[in-house]
Amino acid sequence: MTTLLLEGWAVCATTQLLLWLVALRTRNAGIVDVGWALTFALVVALFALRTGALPPLALVTLAWSLRLGGYLIARGAASGPEEGRYKDLRTRWAPHASAKFFIFFQAQAALTAVLSAAFVVPFVRAPSREWLLWAGLVLSAIGVIGETVADAQLARFKREHKGRVCDVGLWSWSRHPNYFFEWCVWLGYAVAGFAYLPYGVIALAPQAIILGSIFGVTGIPPTEKQALRSKGEAYAEYQRRVSRFVPMPPKRGRSSA
């Protein structure tokens, strides 16, 4: 398993190096997000080639990776104007932004390799508790579907209500339903890991890393700071009404829609 993960890291590091070179020319660091999403599909392909196996959990990972990568590309993460959070980093890191972005891109490659531990075991072991495997698969599939719906609702709202706060559908129950359902994908991997004891417990770490990233690094904090900068009091009012993460009925108040 260690060899597979190291080979996966090499693939991801090479991919992110190439994307960093692209970002130097385009001055759009958002391509790192596309790379992060799609390198999971590359890792799954590598694991499949090296082991000759393609377990059900890998198929869910492929679906998640390709859907998220395709969504980010369609949204313009790699070709449109650079997102505010990356513009902010570019300003804060000047005059050494290029070098620091290189480190950032490679950190994303390393993160992919570490997170791949969530689904590497099924490539080399047989499950001992199949009901846990299927429970995890169902939870991960719900996560993929929920994230897809949340992204589609947000995209549609932005087309019809440019510059306003999206508080319809899943976004009326959670300020970040996309992050919540993404975590569900990884939580599903962790549940499935218990079907492969003792080795499968390694899948507990990736979901914790994802949750920590959502709450403390690249997820909710910078996203909400940017939303407050661009939408001001409308977003502050949205924060008062709607759950930060776990979907639940909103508090009564004025809708920004």
Protein backbone atom coordinates (compact mmCIF):
# COMPACT_ATOMS: atom_id res chain seq x y z
CA MET A 1 0.00 0.00 0.00
CA THR A 2 2.83 2.38 0.82
CA THR A 3 4.33 1.89 -2.63
CA LEU A 4 0.99 2.62 -4.29
CA LEU A 5 0.57 5.81 -2.27
CA LEU A 6 4.09 7.00 -3.09
CA GLU A 7 3.51 6.35 -6.78
CA GLY A 8 0.23 8.25 -6.51
CA TRP A 9 2.07 11.18 -4.93
CA ALA A 10 4.58 11.20 -7.80
CA VAL A 11 1.78 11.40 -10.35
CA CYS A 12 0.06 14.20 -8.44
CA ALA A 13 3.29 16.17 -7.92
CA THR A 14 4.10 15.99 -11.62
CA THR A 15 0.59 17.06 -12.58
CA GLN A 16 0.61 20.01 -10.19
CA LEU A 17 4.05 21.07 -11.42
CA LEU A 18 2.68 21.28 -14.96
CA LEU A 19 -0.38 23.19 -13.76
CA TRP A 20 1.82 25.62 -11.81
CA LEU A 21 3.71 26.36 -15.03
CA VAL A 22 0.36 27.06 -16.72
CA ALA A 23 -0.64 29.33 -13.84
CA LEU A 24 2.58 31.33 -14.26
CA ARG A 25 1.51 32.18 -17.80
CA THR A 26 -2.20 32.78 -17.13
CA ARG A 27 -1.85 34.36 -13.67
CA ASN A 28 -4.81 32.25 -12.58
CA ALA A 29 -3.97 30.04 -9.61
CA GLY A 30 -7.51 28.64 -9.61
CA ILE A 31 -6.29 25.86 -11.88
CA VAL A 32 -4.87 24.22 -8.75
CA ASP A 33 -8.42 23.34 -7.72
CA VAL A 34 -9.07 21.64 -11.06
CA GLY A 35 -5.84 19.72 -10.66
CA TRP A 36 -6.68 18.71 -7.10
CA ALA A 37 -10.05 17.32 -8.15
CA LEU A 38 -8.89 15.46 -11.26
CA THR A 39 -5.70 13.97 -9.81
CA PHE A 40 -7.88 11.61 -7.75
CA ALA A 41 -9.07 10.07 -11.02
CA LEU A 42 -5.41 9.71 -12.07
CA VAL A 43 -4.59 8.02 -8.77
CA VAL A 44 -7.51 5.59 -9.14
CA ALA A 45 -6.34 4.77 -12.67
CA LEU A 46 -2.81 4.19 -11.38
CA PHE A 47 -4.01 1.91 -8.57
CA ALA A 48 -6.14 -0.05 -11.02
CA LEU A 49 -3.24 -0.51 -13.44
CA ARG A 50 -0.85 -1.58 -10.70
CA THR A 51 -3.22 -4.06 -9.01
CA GLY A 52 -5.54 -5.17 -11.81
CA ALA A 53 -8.54 -4.39 -9.57
CA LEU A 54 -11.32 -1.82 -9.71
CA PRO A 55 -13.36 -2.04 -6.46
CA PRO A 56 -16.77 -0.32 -6.13
CA LEU A 57 -15.30 2.37 -3.89
CA ALA A 58 -12.96 3.34 -6.73
CA LEU A 59 -15.91 3.87 -9.05
CA VAL A 60 -17.46 6.31 -6.56
CA THR A 61 -14.12 8.12 -6.35
CA LEU A 62 -13.94 8.35 -10.13
CA ALA A 63 -17.48 9.76 -10.28
CA TRP A 64 -16.69 12.31 -7.56
CA SER A 65 -13.37 13.35 -9.11
CA LEU A 66 -14.58 13.72 -12.69
CA ARG A 67 -17.79 15.50 -11.68
CA LEU A 68 -16.00 18.02 -9.46
CA GLY A 69 -13.22 18.60 -11.97
CA GLY A 70 -15.73 19.08 -14.79
CA TYR A 71 -17.78 21.48 -12.68
CA LEU A 72 -14.72 23.59 -11.84
CA ILE A 73 -13.67 23.73 -15.48
CA ALA A 74 -17.19 24.74 -16.56
CA ARG A 75 -17.23 27.41 -13.84
CA GLY A 76 -14.07 28.91 -15.28
CA ALA A 77 -11.70 28.04 -12.43
CA ALA A 78 -8.93 27.36 -14.94
CA SER A 79 -9.76 29.86 -17.70
CA GLY A 80 -11.85 32.69 -16.24
CA PRO A 81 -10.82 35.59 -14.01
CA GLU A 82 -8.84 34.55 -10.94
CA GLU A 83 -11.00 34.03 -7.84
CA GLY A 84 -10.87 36.63 -5.09
CA ARG A 85 -9.22 34.31 -2.55
CA TYR A 86 -6.31 33.65 -4.93
CA LYS A 87 -6.02 37.34 -5.80
CA ASP A 88 -5.80 38.01 -2.08
CA LEU A 89 -3.03 35.42 -1.68
CA ARG A 90 -1.18 36.86 -4.69
CA THR A 91 -1.22 40.29 -3.04
CA ARG A 92 -0.22 39.00 0.39
CA TRP A 93 2.60 36.85 -1.01
CA ALA A 94 4.11 39.53 -3.27
CA PRO A 95 6.87 39.84 -4.37
CA HIS A 96 7.44 36.07 -3.94
CA ALA A 97 4.00 34.93 -5.05
CA SER A 98 5.25 32.58 -7.80
CA ALA A 99 7.50 30.62 -5.44
CA LYS A 100 4.85 30.45 -2.74
CA PHE A 101 2.24 29.30 -5.22
CA PHE A 102 4.65 26.53 -6.28
CA ILE A 103 4.73 25.35 -2.67
CA PHE A 104 0.95 25.67 -2.51
CA PHE A 105 0.47 23.58 -5.67
CA GLN A 106 2.82 20.89 -4.36
CA ALA A 107 1.04 20.90 -1.00
CA GLN A 108 -2.17 20.09 -2.88
CA ALA A 109 -0.36 17.18 -4.60
CA ALA A 110 0.82 15.86 -1.24
CA LEU A 111 -2.68 16.25 0.17
CA THR A 112 -4.13 14.16 -2.67
CA ALA A 113 -1.60 11.41 -1.93
CA VAL A 114 -2.45 11.42 1.77
CA LEU A 115 -6.21 11.46 1.14
CA SER A 116 -5.85 8.56 -1.31
CA ALA A 117 -5.32 6.38 1.77
CA ALA A 118 -9.11 6.52 2.10
CA PHE A 119 -9.62 4.21 -0.86
CA VAL A 120 -6.33 2.36 -1.39
CA VAL A 121 -7.10 -0.64 0.86
CA PRO A 122 -9.92 -2.09 -1.32
CA PHE A 123 -7.40 -2.41 -4.16
CA VAL A 124 -5.28 -4.86 -2.17
CA ARG A 125 -7.65 -6.46 0.38
CA ALA A 126 -11.01 -8.22 0.38
CA PRO A 127 -13.80 -6.92 2.66
CA SER A 128 -14.65 -8.90 5.78
CA ARG A 129 -17.88 -7.00 6.54
CA GLU A 130 -19.63 -6.32 3.27
CA TRP A 131 -22.59 -4.52 4.86
CA LEU A 132 -20.21 -1.80 6.10
CA LEU A 133 -18.76 -1.52 2.63
CA TRP A 134 -22.19 -0.97 1.13
CA ALA A 135 -23.20 1.44 3.90
CA GLY A 136 -20.11 3.51 3.13
CA LEU A 137 -20.78 3.36 -0.60
CA VAL A 138 -24.33 4.60 -0.11
CA LEU A 139 -23.17 7.48 2.11
CA SER A 140 -20.47 8.48 -0.40
CA ALA A 141 -22.96 8.27 -3.28
CA ILE A 142 -25.36 10.53 -1.35
CA GLY A 143 -22.47 12.94 -0.93
CA VAL A 144 -21.73 12.98 -4.66
CA ILE A 145 -25.42 13.53 -5.50
CA GLY A 146 -25.87 16.23 -2.85
CA GLU A 147 -22.77 18.10 -3.96
CA THR A 148 -23.92 17.91 -7.57
CA VAL A 149 -27.36 19.32 -6.69
CA ALA A 150 -25.85 22.09 -4.55
CA ASP A 151 -23.43 23.16 -7.30
CA ALA A 152 -26.21 23.11 -9.91
CA GLN A 153 -28.49 25.23 -7.72
CA LEU A 154 -25.72 27.75 -7.11
CA ALA A 155 -24.81 27.97 -10.80
CA ARG A 156 -28.43 28.53 -11.79
CA PHE A 157 -28.94 31.19 -9.11
CA LYS A 158 -25.82 33.07 -10.21
CA ARG A 159 -27.05 33.13 -13.79
CA GLU A 160 -30.46 34.51 -12.80
CA HIS A 161 -29.49 36.72 -9.83
CA LYS A 162 -26.00 38.00 -10.49
CA GLY A 163 -24.29 39.49 -7.45
CA ARG A 164 -26.92 38.34 -4.94
CA VAL A 165 -26.69 35.83 -2.10
CA CYS A 166 -27.86 32.35 -3.06
CA ASP A 167 -30.32 31.18 -0.41
CA VAL A 168 -32.53 28.78 -2.36
CA GLY A 169 -32.77 25.00 -2.29
CA LEU A 170 -30.01 23.38 -0.26
CA TRP A 171 -28.45 26.82 0.17
CA SER A 172 -31.43 27.89 2.28
CA TRP A 173 -30.58 25.13 4.79
CA SER A 174 -26.78 25.40 4.79
CA ARG A 175 -24.40 28.19 3.80
CA HIS A 176 -22.02 25.54 2.45
CA PRO A 177 -23.99 22.45 1.35
CA ASN A 178 -21.30 21.68 -1.22
CA TYR A 179 -18.72 21.35 1.56
CA PHE A 180 -21.10 19.33 3.74
CA PHE A 181 -21.79 16.78 1.02
CA GLU A 182 -18.12 16.66 0.05
CA TRP A 183 -17.37 15.66 3.62
CA CYS A 184 -20.11 13.00 3.36
CA VAL A 185 -18.18 11.47 0.46
CA TRP A 186 -15.09 11.09 2.63
CA LEU A 187 -17.09 10.01 5.67
CA GLY A 188 -18.52 7.24 3.49
CA TYR A 189 -14.98 6.11 2.69
CA ALA A 190 -14.26 5.97 6.43
CA VAL A 191 -17.36 3.85 7.09
CA ALA A 192 -16.40 1.51 4.24
CA GLY A 193 -12.93 1.25 5.74
CA PHE A 194 -14.35 -0.70 8.67
CA ALA A 195 -15.16 -3.47 6.20
CA TYR A 196 -11.40 -3.95 5.76
CA LEU A 197 -10.18 -4.15 9.37
CA PRO A 198 -7.57 -3.71 10.59
CA TYR A 199 -6.04 -1.92 7.60
CA GLY A 200 -9.18 0.04 6.70
CA VAL A 201 -8.98 2.26 9.79
CA ILE A 202 -6.53 4.36 7.79
CA ALA A 203 -9.61 5.82 6.04
CA LEU A 204 -10.56 7.66 9.25
CA ALA A 205 -7.70 10.14 8.81
CA PRO A 206 -8.68 11.54 5.36
CA GLN A 207 -12.21 12.48 6.40
CA ALA A 208 -10.80 14.27 9.45
CA ILE A 209 -8.33 16.13 7.23
CA ILE A 210 -11.14 17.15 4.87
CA LEU A 211 -13.26 18.38 7.78
CA GLY A 212 -10.34 20.30 9.25
CA SER A 213 -9.60 21.88 5.87
CA ILE A 214 -13.21 22.89 5.41
CA PHE A 215 -13.36 24.61 8.79
CA GLY A 216 -9.84 25.90 9.18
CA VAL A 217 -7.87 26.24 5.93
CA THR A 218 -9.20 26.55 2.38
CA GLY A 219 -12.92 26.05 2.92
CA ILE A 220 -15.42 28.08 4.92
CA PRO A 221 -13.25 30.88 6.44
CA PRO A 222 -11.80 32.33 3.18
CA THR A 223 -15.07 31.73 1.31
CA GLU A 224 -17.10 33.67 3.86
CA LYS A 225 -14.53 36.46 4.11
CA GLN A 226 -14.71 36.92 0.34
CA ALA A 227 -18.53 36.81 0.43
CA LEU A 228 -18.62 39.50 3.12
CA ARG A 229 -16.24 41.66 1.10
CA SER A 230 -18.30 41.35 -2.07
CA LYS A 231 -21.86 41.21 -0.70
CA GLY A 232 -21.61 42.99 2.63
CA GLU A 233 -24.70 43.18 4.84
CA ALA A 234 -26.73 40.88 2.56
CA TYR A 235 -24.34 38.04 3.35
CA ALA A 236 -24.13 38.98 7.04
CA GLU A 237 -27.92 38.69 7.22
CA TYR A 238 -27.68 35.32 5.45
CA GLN A 239 -25.16 34.18 8.08
CA ARG A 240 -27.60 35.05 10.85
CA ARG A 241 -30.39 32.96 9.30
CA VAL A 242 -28.74 29.90 7.81
CA SER A 243 -26.71 27.06 9.34
CA ARG A 244 -22.99 27.29 8.69
CA PHE A 245 -22.49 23.66 7.67
CA VAL A 246 -24.99 20.93 8.57
CA PRO A 247 -28.26 21.44 6.63
CA MET A 248 -31.15 22.39 8.91
CA PRO A 249 -34.26 24.59 8.69
CA PRO A 250 -33.31 28.30 8.50
CA LYS A 251 -34.21 30.84 11.13
CA ARG A 252 -37.03 33.19 10.25
CA GLY A 253 -35.89 36.34 8.58
CA ARG A 254 -35.79 38.28 5.36
CA SER A 255 -34.75 36.28 2.30
CA SER A 256 -32.15 37.83 0.03
CA ALA A 257 -33.66 36.01 -2.94
